[in-house]
N, C-alpha and C. Protein backbone atom coordinates (compact mmCIF):
# COMPACT_ATOMS: atom_id res chain seq x y z
N MET A 1 8.88 -6.03 8.55
CA MET A 1 7.84 -5.60 8.17
C MET A 1 6.88 -6.47 7.91
N GLY A 2 5.78 -6.06 8.56
CA GLY A 2 4.69 -7.73 9.01
C GLY A 2 3.20 -6.57 9.19
N THR A 3 2.04 -8.09 9.37
CA THR A 3 1.17 -8.04 9.23
C THR A 3 -0.03 -8.46 10.26
N VAL A 4 -0.93 -8.22 10.97
CA VAL A 4 -0.85 -8.54 12.04
C VAL A 4 -3.33 -8.43 11.88
N LEU A 5 -4.23 -8.99 11.20
CA LEU A 5 -5.09 -9.42 11.21
C LEU A 5 -5.98 -10.71 11.95
N SER A 6 -6.82 -9.29 12.28
CA SER A 6 -8.27 -10.58 13.14
C SER A 6 -8.74 -11.91 12.29
N PRO A 7 -9.06 -12.51 13.13
CA PRO A 7 -9.09 -14.03 12.32
C PRO A 7 -10.88 -12.94 11.04
N ASP A 8 -10.77 -13.59 9.87
CA ASP A 8 -11.98 -12.97 8.78
C ASP A 8 -11.61 -12.11 8.20
N TYR A 9 -10.22 -11.10 9.13
CA TYR A 9 -11.11 -9.63 8.67
C TYR A 9 -10.98 -8.86 7.28
N PRO A 10 -11.28 -8.29 7.22
CA PRO A 10 -12.90 -7.51 7.81
C PRO A 10 -13.96 -7.68 7.69
N GLU A 11 -14.14 -8.88 7.22
CA GLU A 11 -15.73 -9.37 7.37
C GLU A 11 -16.24 -9.77 8.52
N GLY A 12 -15.67 -9.40 9.78
CA GLY A 12 -16.09 -9.99 10.77
C GLY A 12 -15.26 -10.93 11.52
N TYR A 13 -14.57 -10.94 12.76
CA TYR A 13 -14.24 -12.27 13.71
C TYR A 13 -15.14 -13.04 14.29
N GLY A 14 -15.12 -13.91 14.33
CA GLY A 14 -16.12 -15.31 15.00
C GLY A 14 -16.23 -14.60 16.76
N ASN A 15 -16.75 -15.59 17.20
CA ASN A 15 -17.12 -15.57 18.54
C ASN A 15 -16.86 -16.69 19.57
N ASN A 16 -16.34 -16.59 20.84
CA ASN A 16 -15.40 -17.60 21.33
C ASN A 16 -14.05 -18.17 20.54
N LEU A 17 -12.95 -16.40 20.32
CA LEU A 17 -11.97 -16.73 20.34
C LEU A 17 -11.50 -16.67 21.34
N ASN A 18 -10.01 -16.71 21.37
CA ASN A 18 -8.89 -16.37 21.56
C ASN A 18 -7.57 -16.80 21.24
N CYS A 19 -6.93 -16.05 20.59
CA CYS A 19 -5.56 -16.28 19.40
C CYS A 19 -4.66 -15.00 19.90
N ILE A 20 -3.81 -15.50 19.69
CA ILE A 20 -2.02 -15.19 20.40
C ILE A 20 -0.94 -15.34 19.03
N TRP A 21 -0.27 -13.84 18.75
CA TRP A 21 0.63 -13.56 17.94
C TRP A 21 1.69 -13.42 18.22
N THR A 22 2.75 -13.65 18.46
CA THR A 22 4.06 -13.51 19.06
C THR A 22 4.97 -13.01 17.79
N ILE A 23 5.26 -11.67 18.08
CA ILE A 23 5.77 -10.90 16.97
C ILE A 23 7.34 -10.93 17.82
N ILE A 24 8.07 -11.16 16.46
CA ILE A 24 10.16 -11.20 17.55
C ILE A 24 11.07 -10.44 16.41
N SER A 25 11.76 -9.63 16.14
CA SER A 25 13.14 -8.47 16.15
C SER A 25 13.96 -9.19 16.44
N ASP A 26 15.02 -8.49 15.98
CA ASP A 26 16.48 -8.73 15.99
C ASP A 26 16.82 -8.89 17.52
N PRO A 27 17.67 -9.57 18.32
CA PRO A 27 17.74 -8.54 19.85
C PRO A 27 18.63 -6.52 19.82
N GLY A 28 18.20 -6.63 20.50
CA GLY A 28 18.54 -4.77 20.88
C GLY A 28 17.51 -3.77 19.90
N SER A 29 16.15 -4.87 19.42
CA SER A 29 15.44 -3.96 18.82
C SER A 29 14.26 -3.73 19.45
N ARG A 30 13.55 -2.76 18.62
CA ARG A 30 12.19 -2.71 19.54
C ARG A 30 10.99 -2.51 18.45
N ILE A 31 9.68 -3.04 18.38
CA ILE A 31 8.74 -3.39 17.40
C ILE A 31 7.86 -2.05 17.68
N HIS A 32 7.42 -1.59 16.82
CA HIS A 32 6.73 -0.41 16.80
C HIS A 32 5.41 -0.87 15.61
N LEU A 33 4.24 -0.96 16.65
CA LEU A 33 2.57 -1.09 16.09
C LEU A 33 2.30 0.01 15.33
N SER A 34 1.74 0.02 14.74
CA SER A 34 0.89 0.66 13.79
C SER A 34 -0.89 0.31 13.70
N PHE A 35 -1.79 1.00 13.97
CA PHE A 35 -3.52 0.66 13.87
C PHE A 35 -3.91 0.95 13.00
N ASN A 36 -3.95 0.52 11.81
CA ASN A 36 -4.46 0.74 10.51
C ASN A 36 -6.20 1.01 10.27
N ASP A 37 -6.70 0.06 10.93
CA ASP A 37 -8.18 -0.54 11.52
C ASP A 37 -8.42 -0.74 13.25
N PHE A 38 -9.00 -0.38 13.66
CA PHE A 38 -9.79 -1.53 14.88
C PHE A 38 -11.29 -0.81 15.49
N ASP A 39 -11.91 -2.18 15.56
CA ASP A 39 -13.18 -2.34 15.80
C ASP A 39 -14.18 -3.69 15.90
N LEU A 40 -14.17 -3.42 17.58
CA LEU A 40 -13.91 -5.03 18.57
C LEU A 40 -15.50 -4.61 19.20
N GLU A 41 -16.49 -5.71 19.54
CA GLU A 41 -17.25 -5.43 20.27
C GLU A 41 -16.70 -4.72 21.92
N SER A 42 -17.01 -3.25 22.10
CA SER A 42 -16.77 -2.87 23.15
C SER A 42 -17.23 -3.22 24.78
N GLN A 43 -15.96 -3.65 25.11
CA GLN A 43 -16.03 -4.00 26.52
C GLN A 43 -16.32 -5.13 26.81
N PHE A 44 -16.44 -6.72 25.44
CA PHE A 44 -16.59 -7.65 25.75
C PHE A 44 -14.92 -8.22 25.11
N ASP A 45 -15.05 -8.14 24.11
CA ASP A 45 -13.71 -8.24 23.25
C ASP A 45 -13.21 -7.62 23.38
N PHE A 46 -11.55 -8.27 23.51
CA PHE A 46 -10.55 -7.26 23.44
C PHE A 46 -8.97 -7.72 22.91
N LEU A 47 -8.12 -6.73 23.19
CA LEU A 47 -7.26 -6.94 22.32
C LEU A 47 -6.01 -6.58 23.34
N ALA A 48 -5.22 -7.50 23.60
CA ALA A 48 -3.90 -6.77 25.22
C ALA A 48 -2.55 -6.91 23.99
N VAL A 49 -2.03 -6.25 24.75
CA VAL A 49 -0.52 -6.00 24.09
C VAL A 49 0.70 -6.30 24.95
N LYS A 50 1.85 -6.92 24.95
CA LYS A 50 2.28 -6.98 26.14
C LYS A 50 3.33 -7.65 25.34
N ASP A 51 4.70 -6.87 26.20
CA ASP A 51 5.94 -6.87 26.11
C ASP A 51 6.54 -7.77 27.00
N GLY A 52 6.67 -9.03 25.70
CA GLY A 52 7.74 -10.21 25.95
C GLY A 52 7.19 -11.02 25.29
N ASP A 53 7.35 -12.30 25.17
CA ASP A 53 6.56 -13.46 24.77
C ASP A 53 5.39 -14.35 25.89
N SER A 54 5.54 -14.31 27.24
CA SER A 54 5.08 -15.00 28.35
C SER A 54 3.47 -14.41 28.99
N PRO A 55 2.86 -15.23 28.65
CA PRO A 55 1.70 -14.53 29.15
C PRO A 55 1.47 -13.72 30.32
N ASP A 56 2.67 -13.31 31.29
CA ASP A 56 2.16 -13.59 32.52
C ASP A 56 3.80 -11.99 32.21
N SER A 57 3.67 -11.23 30.83
CA SER A 57 4.40 -10.29 30.38
C SER A 57 4.09 -8.62 30.69
N PRO A 58 4.49 -8.29 30.99
CA PRO A 58 4.25 -6.38 31.74
C PRO A 58 2.67 -6.45 29.80
N ILE A 59 1.98 -5.51 30.58
CA ILE A 59 0.71 -5.42 29.48
C ILE A 59 0.73 -3.61 29.40
N ILE A 60 1.27 -3.40 27.98
CA ILE A 60 1.22 -2.25 27.64
C ILE A 60 0.68 -1.39 26.65
N GLY A 61 -0.55 -2.01 26.52
CA GLY A 61 -1.81 -1.70 26.32
C GLY A 61 -3.39 -2.42 26.15
N THR A 62 -4.22 -2.24 26.42
CA THR A 62 -5.88 -2.84 26.12
C THR A 62 -6.39 -2.60 25.44
N PHE A 63 -6.80 -2.55 24.23
CA PHE A 63 -8.35 -2.03 23.86
C PHE A 63 -9.43 -2.59 23.25
N THR A 64 -10.24 -1.84 23.75
CA THR A 64 -11.94 -3.01 23.07
C THR A 64 -12.13 -1.20 22.05
N GLY A 65 -13.84 -1.66 21.34
CA GLY A 65 -14.71 -0.49 21.22
C GLY A 65 -13.92 -0.43 19.47
N ALA A 66 -14.36 0.53 18.79
CA ALA A 66 -14.14 0.85 17.55
C ALA A 66 -13.17 2.34 17.92
N GLU A 67 -12.76 2.68 18.70
CA GLU A 67 -11.76 4.05 18.17
C GLU A 67 -10.26 3.20 18.53
N VAL A 68 -9.12 3.86 16.94
CA VAL A 68 -8.25 3.36 16.94
C VAL A 68 -6.82 3.41 17.47
N PRO A 69 -6.10 2.80 18.15
CA PRO A 69 -5.73 3.01 18.60
C PRO A 69 -4.43 3.32 18.49
N SER A 70 -3.62 4.82 19.74
CA SER A 70 -2.24 5.18 19.24
C SER A 70 -1.20 4.35 18.54
N HIS A 71 -0.24 5.03 17.66
CA HIS A 71 0.93 3.81 17.94
C HIS A 71 1.74 3.43 18.86
N LEU A 72 2.10 1.85 19.55
CA LEU A 72 2.69 1.50 20.40
C LEU A 72 4.48 1.38 20.14
N THR A 73 5.33 1.25 21.26
CA THR A 73 6.55 0.65 20.80
C THR A 73 6.76 0.06 21.59
N SER A 74 7.42 -1.18 21.39
CA SER A 74 7.70 -2.13 22.38
C SER A 74 9.00 -1.41 23.25
N ASN A 75 9.26 -2.05 24.17
CA ASN A 75 10.31 -1.97 25.47
C ASN A 75 11.32 -2.73 24.68
N GLY A 76 11.64 -4.28 24.52
CA GLY A 76 12.48 -5.19 23.91
C GLY A 76 12.05 -5.17 22.32
N HIS A 77 12.65 -6.51 22.35
CA HIS A 77 12.00 -7.38 20.80
C HIS A 77 12.00 -8.33 20.88
N ILE A 78 10.60 -8.49 21.59
CA ILE A 78 9.29 -9.13 21.90
C ILE A 78 8.07 -8.84 22.14
N LEU A 79 7.37 -8.90 21.32
CA LEU A 79 5.66 -8.20 21.34
C LEU A 79 4.69 -9.81 21.22
N ARG A 80 4.24 -9.64 22.34
CA ARG A 80 2.51 -10.93 22.55
C ARG A 80 1.43 -10.38 22.02
N LEU A 81 0.56 -11.05 21.04
CA LEU A 81 -0.44 -9.75 20.95
C LEU A 81 -1.51 -10.60 21.36
N GLU A 82 -2.57 -10.56 22.42
CA GLU A 82 -4.20 -11.73 22.85
C GLU A 82 -5.03 -10.61 22.35
N PHE A 83 -5.49 -11.88 21.70
CA PHE A 83 -7.06 -10.90 21.22
C PHE A 83 -8.35 -11.90 22.23
N GLN A 84 -9.59 -11.75 22.52
CA GLN A 84 -10.97 -12.44 22.97
C GLN A 84 -11.68 -12.10 22.38
N ALA A 85 -12.08 -13.26 22.57
CA ALA A 85 -13.93 -12.07 21.80
C ALA A 85 -14.83 -13.57 22.94
N ASP A 86 -16.03 -13.19 23.44
CA ASP A 86 -16.86 -13.68 23.89
C ASP A 86 -17.92 -14.81 23.30
N HIS A 87 -18.71 -15.05 23.44
CA HIS A 87 -19.94 -15.92 22.46
C HIS A 87 -21.07 -14.87 22.19
N SER A 88 -20.66 -13.41 21.50
CA SER A 88 -22.11 -13.02 21.29
C SER A 88 -21.22 -11.66 20.28
N MET A 89 -22.17 -11.09 19.58
CA MET A 89 -21.21 -10.49 18.51
C MET A 89 -20.40 -10.21 18.17
N SER A 90 -19.89 -9.72 17.17
CA SER A 90 -18.40 -9.12 17.36
C SER A 90 -18.15 -8.13 15.51
N GLY A 91 -17.00 -7.41 15.79
CA GLY A 91 -16.68 -6.10 14.79
C GLY A 91 -16.34 -6.83 13.64
N ARG A 92 -15.54 -5.57 13.01
CA ARG A 92 -14.77 -5.49 11.97
C ARG A 92 -13.73 -6.85 11.83
N GLY A 93 -12.78 -6.08 13.32
CA GLY A 93 -12.11 -6.51 14.01
C GLY A 93 -10.75 -5.65 13.53
N PHE A 94 -9.09 -6.24 13.43
CA PHE A 94 -8.51 -5.73 13.09
C PHE A 94 -7.33 -5.59 12.05
N ASN A 95 -6.66 -4.72 12.06
CA ASN A 95 -5.35 -4.92 10.77
C ASN A 95 -4.20 -3.47 11.47
N ILE A 96 -3.30 -4.27 11.47
CA ILE A 96 -2.02 -3.87 12.47
C ILE A 96 -0.52 -4.21 11.72
N THR A 97 -0.69 -3.05 11.79
CA THR A 97 1.07 -3.65 10.41
C THR A 97 2.21 -2.65 12.38
N TYR A 98 3.77 -3.77 11.55
CA TYR A 98 4.62 -3.83 12.47
C TYR A 98 5.67 -3.83 11.93
N ASN A 99 6.74 -2.99 12.48
CA ASN A 99 8.12 -2.70 12.06
C ASN A 99 9.07 -3.28 13.21
N SER A 100 10.51 -3.18 12.82
CA SER A 100 11.35 -3.63 14.08
C SER A 100 12.72 -1.96 13.79
N CYS A 101 13.21 -1.32 14.99
CA CYS A 101 13.55 -0.29 15.41
C CYS A 101 14.67 -1.03 15.79
N GLN A 102 16.11 0.35 15.60
CA GLN A 102 17.03 0.24 16.64
C GLN A 102 16.24 0.64 17.83
N SER A 103 16.39 0.10 19.44
CA SER A 103 17.22 0.98 20.28
C SER A 103 17.39 1.75 20.70
N PHE A 104 17.23 3.12 20.87
CA PHE A 104 18.05 4.04 20.88
C PHE A 104 18.99 3.61 21.93
N ARG A 105 19.32 3.07 22.86
CA ARG A 105 20.82 2.18 23.32
C ARG A 105 21.24 2.03 22.21
N GLU A 106 21.16 1.46 21.64
CA GLU A 106 21.66 0.34 20.24
C GLU A 106 22.42 1.08 19.76
N VAL A 107 21.52 2.55 18.95
CA VAL A 107 21.95 3.78 18.78
C VAL A 107 23.27 4.56 19.16
N LEU A 108 23.57 4.89 20.08
CA LEU A 108 23.92 5.54 20.78
C LEU A 108 25.02 4.35 21.46
N ILE A 109 25.39 3.14 20.94
CA ILE A 109 27.03 2.04 21.64
C ILE A 109 27.66 2.61 19.96
N LYS A 110 26.51 2.25 18.28
CA LYS A 110 27.03 2.15 17.46
C LYS A 110 27.88 3.29 16.90
N THR A 111 27.71 4.26 18.01
CA THR A 111 28.08 5.72 16.69
C THR A 111 29.53 6.14 18.80
């Protein structure tokens, strides 16, 4: 289990940011994200969540604005979070907690 916070959360993030976090759990597990707080400049600053560790990995969610996103669960054991902020204005940022869980397939194999 861990936490991902935007820079300077909750005081507000800066301008011209490009931040990347990679979350890696044990092979065969999945990663569950819980969004505890979310406030980005709508339409200009965003957080993209990708299913894998590559810039080209499939996007499973892109978020902006002040609506707290629903929980997300990866398809694999690696998630990549990409946060981009433009040159003006900022919000409070985000507070995300994550944990890993065994995939359904792994549970079936073990029983």
